[in-house]
Every structure is written in C-alpha cells, then in structure tokens.
C-alpha cells in the first residue's frame, strides 16, 4: 500500500489516504517519480521536441529572468 491523495477542487487542499479510489474519484500517488542520472531516453525526448517545435530555442521570444530591474539597465 502506498500513500495516495485527492485534491479538493474548491480549496486546493490535499486529502491523504491509502485507498486507490476515494469517494468515486481515482487517487494520485503521493510519491515522486523515480529519478536516474543515467537517462536512457533523453535522446528520444529531444528528438520529439525538435520534431514538434517544443524546444525553448524554437519558441520565438524567450522570457529572460533577470536579477536587475530595467531601470538599472538604461544608460543616460
């Protein structure tokens, strides 16, 4: 048995349980997915993202997160 949860749509709070189905709604796993530093399928994910134009370099204008405000960047 694994820890599962349901999210209340009105409040956004999670209700944790051990049941697979709670009140007629299928619960979600409360555990993160496994992570492996040896990613065997990264090449395939990148290929698919290139094919369908989902790479950040194919997205047009990029959102740049800057630590300085635009007022500090102007030179007068």
Protein backbone atom coordinates (compact mmCIF):
# COMPACT_ATOMS: atom_id res chain seq x y z
CA UNK A 1 0.00 0.00 0.00
CA UNK A 2 1.28 3.41 -0.97
CA UNK A 3 0.28 6.84 0.22
CA UNK A 4 -2.23 8.39 -2.17
CA UNK A 5 -4.06 11.75 -2.27
CA UNK A 6 -7.07 13.56 -3.67
CA UNK A 7 -7.14 17.30 -4.19
CA UNK A 8 -10.27 19.22 -3.17
CA UNK A 9 -11.18 21.40 -6.19
CA UNK A 10 -12.78 24.16 -4.12
CA UNK A 11 -9.97 24.68 -1.59
CA UNK A 12 -7.00 23.07 -3.34
CA UNK A 13 -6.09 21.13 -0.19
CA UNK A 14 -4.95 17.52 -0.41
CA UNK A 15 -6.58 14.66 1.46
CA UNK A 16 -4.17 11.77 2.01
CA UNK A 17 -5.32 8.15 2.11
CA UNK A 18 -4.17 4.59 1.44
CA UNK A 19 -7.14 3.84 -0.84
CA UNK A 20 -6.88 3.67 -4.64
CA UNK A 21 -10.39 5.13 -5.09
CA UNK A 22 -11.87 7.62 -2.63
CA UNK A 23 -15.47 8.88 -2.95
CA UNK A 24 -15.65 7.59 -6.53
CA UNK A 25 -12.55 9.53 -7.62
CA UNK A 26 -9.27 7.81 -8.50
CA UNK A 27 -6.49 8.98 -6.19
CA UNK A 28 -2.99 10.06 -7.26
CA UNK A 29 0.29 8.78 -5.89
CA UNK A 30 1.87 10.99 -3.23
CA UNK A 31 5.36 9.72 -4.06
CA UNK A 32 7.64 11.36 -6.66
CA UNK A 33 8.66 9.51 -9.79
CA UNK A 34 11.95 7.63 -9.80
CA UNK A 35 15.00 9.53 -10.96
CA UNK A 36 18.03 8.03 -12.63
CA UNK A 37 21.13 10.04 -13.57
CA UNK A 38 21.63 7.53 -16.40
CA UNK A 39 18.73 8.75 -18.56
CA UNK A 40 18.36 6.22 -21.37
CA UNK A 41 15.58 8.04 -23.20
CA UNK A 42 16.72 11.70 -23.24
CA UNK A 43 17.78 11.46 -26.90
CA UNK A 44 14.28 10.36 -27.88
CA UNK A 45 12.62 13.16 -25.89
CA UNK A 46 14.84 15.78 -27.53
CA UNK A 47 14.14 14.33 -30.98
CA UNK A 48 10.38 14.51 -30.39
CA UNK A 49 10.60 18.05 -29.04
CA UNK A 50 12.59 19.12 -32.13
CA UNK A 51 10.05 17.45 -34.42
CA UNK A 52 7.07 19.22 -32.87
CA UNK A 53 8.77 22.57 -32.21
CA UNK A 54 8.71 22.37 -28.42
CA UNK A 55 12.34 23.20 -27.70
CA UNK A 56 12.94 26.55 -26.00
CA UNK A 57 15.14 27.60 -28.93
CA UNK A 58 12.17 27.12 -31.27
CA UNK A 59 9.71 29.19 -29.18
CA UNK A 60 10.22 32.67 -30.65
CA UNK A 61 10.79 35.31 -27.97
CA UNK A 62 12.25 33.93 -24.78
CA UNK A 63 11.36 35.03 -21.29
CA UNK A 64 14.62 36.05 -19.65
CA UNK A 65 14.76 36.04 -15.90
CA UNK A 66 16.98 38.93 -14.88
CA UNK A 67 18.14 39.84 -11.41
CA UNK A 68 18.27 43.55 -12.25
CA UNK A 69 15.40 45.88 -12.98
CA UNK A 70 15.08 47.54 -16.42
CA UNK A 71 15.69 50.97 -14.87
CA UNK A 72 19.19 49.90 -13.89
CA UNK A 73 19.99 48.76 -17.43
CA UNK A 74 19.39 52.15 -19.10
CA UNK A 75 22.41 54.33 -19.74
CA UNK A 76 22.00 58.09 -19.95
